Amino acid sequence: MKQKAARICLIVAIVLFVLGAFILGHAPEWFIITAAFAVGAVVFGVRWIRITGALLVVISIVVAISEYQARQQLRERVREIQQKAGGHI
């Protein structure tokens, strides 16, 4: 039963990661959810599932952090443009 749960968690994590990478823009929350499912694979899986899940956890967290930073930089850039325009945008 645990192996089935681990496989399901890993498949869900992979699908979420792919969807987040190709469909969504600047959604770090999505990658945190992906990492959470991958942790399930790490906890319940056999060796290859644990290794794959662990890699997905690390990659998802790195992507989430970079997406968050990109979002912050975009907001700052918009704020700068608005100030240059005199707040008329």
C-alpha atoms as a PDB file:
ATOM      1  CA  MET A   1       0.000   0.000   0.000  1.00  0.00           C
ATOM      2  CA  LYS A   2       2.828   2.392   0.828  1.00  0.00           C
ATOM      3  CA  GLN A   3       4.488   1.719  -2.522  1.00  0.00           C
ATOM      4  CA  LYS A   4       1.308   2.561  -4.371  1.00  0.00           C
ATOM      5  CA  ALA A   5       0.972   5.801  -2.403  1.00  0.00           C
ATOM      6  CA  ALA A   6       4.614   6.634  -3.164  1.00  0.00           C
ATOM      7  CA  ARG A   7       4.115   6.043  -6.890  1.00  0.00           C
ATOM      8  CA  ILE A   8       0.969   8.159  -6.920  1.00  0.00           C
ATOM      9  CA  CYS A   9       2.739  10.984  -5.045  1.00  0.00           C
ATOM     10  CA  LEU A  10       5.654  10.855  -7.478  1.00  0.00           C
ATOM     11  CA  ILE A  11       3.407  10.865 -10.543  1.00  0.00           C
ATOM     12  CA  VAL A  12       1.367  13.771  -9.180  1.00  0.00           C
ATOM     13  CA  ALA A  13       4.569  15.670  -8.364  1.00  0.00           C
ATOM     14  CA  ILE A  14       5.967  15.123 -11.859  1.00  0.00           C
ATOM     15  CA  VAL A  15       2.715  16.207 -13.512  1.00  0.00           C
ATOM     16  CA  LEU A  16       2.510  19.305 -11.305  1.00  0.00           C
ATOM     17  CA  PHE A  17       6.141  20.184 -12.050  1.00  0.00           C
ATOM     18  CA  VAL A  18       5.647  19.876 -15.799  1.00  0.00           C
ATOM     19  CA  LEU A  19       2.437  21.904 -15.692  1.00  0.00           C
ATOM     20  CA  GLY A  20       4.110  24.552 -13.563  1.00  0.00           C
ATOM     21  CA  ALA A  21       7.121  24.728 -15.827  1.00  0.00           C
ATOM     22  CA  PHE A  22       5.234  25.052 -19.103  1.00  0.00           C
ATOM     23  CA  ILE A  23       1.840  26.532 -18.323  1.00  0.00           C
ATOM     24  CA  LEU A  24       2.018  28.785 -15.293  1.00  0.00           C
ATOM     25  CA  GLY A  25       4.080  31.930 -15.016  1.00  0.00           C
ATOM     26  CA  HIS A  26       5.689  33.073 -11.784  1.00  0.00           C
ATOM     27  CA  ALA A  27       3.818  30.675  -9.512  1.00  0.00           C
ATOM     28  CA  PRO A  28       6.208  29.643  -6.743  1.00  0.00           C
ATOM     29  CA  GLU A  29       3.319  28.273  -4.686  1.00  0.00           C
ATOM     30  CA  TRP A  30       2.770  25.656  -7.367  1.00  0.00           C
ATOM     31  CA  PHE A  31       6.312  24.357  -6.987  1.00  0.00           C
ATOM     32  CA  ILE A  32       6.002  24.227  -3.201  1.00  0.00           C
ATOM     33  CA  ILE A  33       2.947  21.986  -3.636  1.00  0.00           C
ATOM     34  CA  THR A  34       4.979  19.905  -6.076  1.00  0.00           C
ATOM     35  CA  ALA A  35       7.732  19.543  -3.479  1.00  0.00           C
ATOM     36  CA  ALA A  36       5.170  18.456  -0.874  1.00  0.00           C
ATOM     37  CA  PHE A  37       3.958  15.622  -3.095  1.00  0.00           C
ATOM     38  CA  ALA A  38       7.557  14.646  -3.836  1.00  0.00           C
ATOM     39  CA  VAL A  39       8.219  14.421  -0.089  1.00  0.00           C
ATOM     40  CA  GLY A  40       5.437  11.845   0.051  1.00  0.00           C
ATOM     41  CA  ALA A  41       7.343   9.796  -2.513  1.00  0.00           C
ATOM     42  CA  VAL A  42      10.537  10.138  -0.478  1.00  0.00           C
ATOM     43  CA  VAL A  43       8.844   9.016   2.728  1.00  0.00           C
ATOM     44  CA  PHE A  44       6.922   6.024   1.356  1.00  0.00           C
ATOM     45  CA  GLY A  45       8.903   4.888  -1.677  1.00  0.00           C
ATOM     46  CA  VAL A  46      11.518   2.321  -2.470  1.00  0.00           C
ATOM     47  CA  ARG A  47      15.012   3.378  -3.466  1.00  0.00           C
ATOM     48  CA  TRP A  48      14.433   4.650  -7.034  1.00  0.00           C
ATOM     49  CA  ILE A  49      11.247   6.435  -6.029  1.00  0.00           C
ATOM     50  CA  ARG A  50      13.023   8.038  -3.059  1.00  0.00           C
ATOM     51  CA  ILE A  51      15.909   9.221  -5.204  1.00  0.00           C
ATOM     52  CA  THR A  52      13.607  10.622  -7.885  1.00  0.00           C
ATOM     53  CA  GLY A  53      11.405  12.229  -5.239  1.00  0.00           C
ATOM     54  CA  ALA A  54      14.391  13.780  -3.478  1.00  0.00           C
ATOM     55  CA  LEU A  55      15.676  15.245  -6.736  1.00  0.00           C
ATOM     56  CA  LEU A  56      12.236  16.627  -7.472  1.00  0.00           C
ATOM     57  CA  VAL A  57      12.022  18.169  -3.990  1.00  0.00           C
ATOM     58  CA  VAL A  58      15.335  19.974  -4.461  1.00  0.00           C
ATOM     59  CA  ILE A  59      14.563  21.111  -8.004  1.00  0.00           C
ATOM     60  CA  SER A  60      11.063  22.276  -7.033  1.00  0.00           C
ATOM     61  CA  ILE A  61      12.354  24.314  -4.107  1.00  0.00           C
ATOM     62  CA  VAL A  62      15.081  25.909  -6.239  1.00  0.00           C
ATOM     63  CA  VAL A  63      12.543  26.773  -8.947  1.00  0.00           C
ATOM     64  CA  ALA A  64      10.089  28.124  -6.361  1.00  0.00           C
ATOM     65  CA  ILE A  65      12.756  30.410  -4.914  1.00  0.00           C
ATOM     66  CA  SER A  66      13.827  31.660  -8.339  1.00  0.00           C
ATOM     67  CA  GLU A  67      10.185  32.222  -9.377  1.00  0.00           C
ATOM     68  CA  TYR A  68       9.568  34.179  -6.179  1.00  0.00           C
ATOM     69  CA  GLN A  69      12.640  36.330  -6.811  1.00  0.00           C
ATOM     70  CA  ALA A  70      11.546  36.913 -10.414  1.00  0.00           C
ATOM     71  CA  ARG A  71       8.108  37.969  -9.194  1.00  0.00           C
ATOM     72  CA  GLN A  72       9.646  40.423  -6.731  1.00  0.00           C
ATOM     73  CA  GLN A  73      11.934  41.877  -9.397  1.00  0.00           C
ATOM     74  CA  LEU A  74       8.993  42.291 -11.767  1.00  0.00           C
ATOM     75  CA  ARG A  75       6.970  44.109  -9.110  1.00  0.00           C
ATOM     76  CA  GLU A  76       9.906  46.390  -8.352  1.00  0.00           C
ATOM     77  CA  ARG A  77      10.369  47.142 -12.043  1.00  0.00           C
ATOM     78  CA  VAL A  78       6.664  47.981 -12.412  1.00  0.00           C
ATOM     79  CA  ARG A  79       6.906  50.249  -9.365  1.00  0.00           C
ATOM     80  CA  GLU A  80       9.905  52.048 -10.905  1.00  0.00           C
ATOM     81  CA  ILE A  81       8.078  52.542 -14.195  1.00  0.00           C
ATOM     82  CA  GLN A  82       5.023  53.906 -12.389  1.00  0.00           C
ATOM     83  CA  GLN A  83       7.167  56.370 -10.444  1.00  0.00           C
ATOM     84  CA  LYS A  84       8.882  57.556 -13.630  1.00  0.00           C
ATOM     85  CA  ALA A  85       5.493  58.044 -15.254  1.00  0.00           C
ATOM     86  CA  GLY A  86       4.363  60.101 -12.303  1.00  0.00           C
ATOM     87  CA  GLY A  87       1.899  57.528 -11.030  1.00  0.00           C
ATOM     88  CA  HIS A  88      -0.381  57.935 -14.049  1.00  0.00           C
ATOM     89  CA  ILE A  89      -0.310  54.286 -15.012  1.00  0.00           C
END
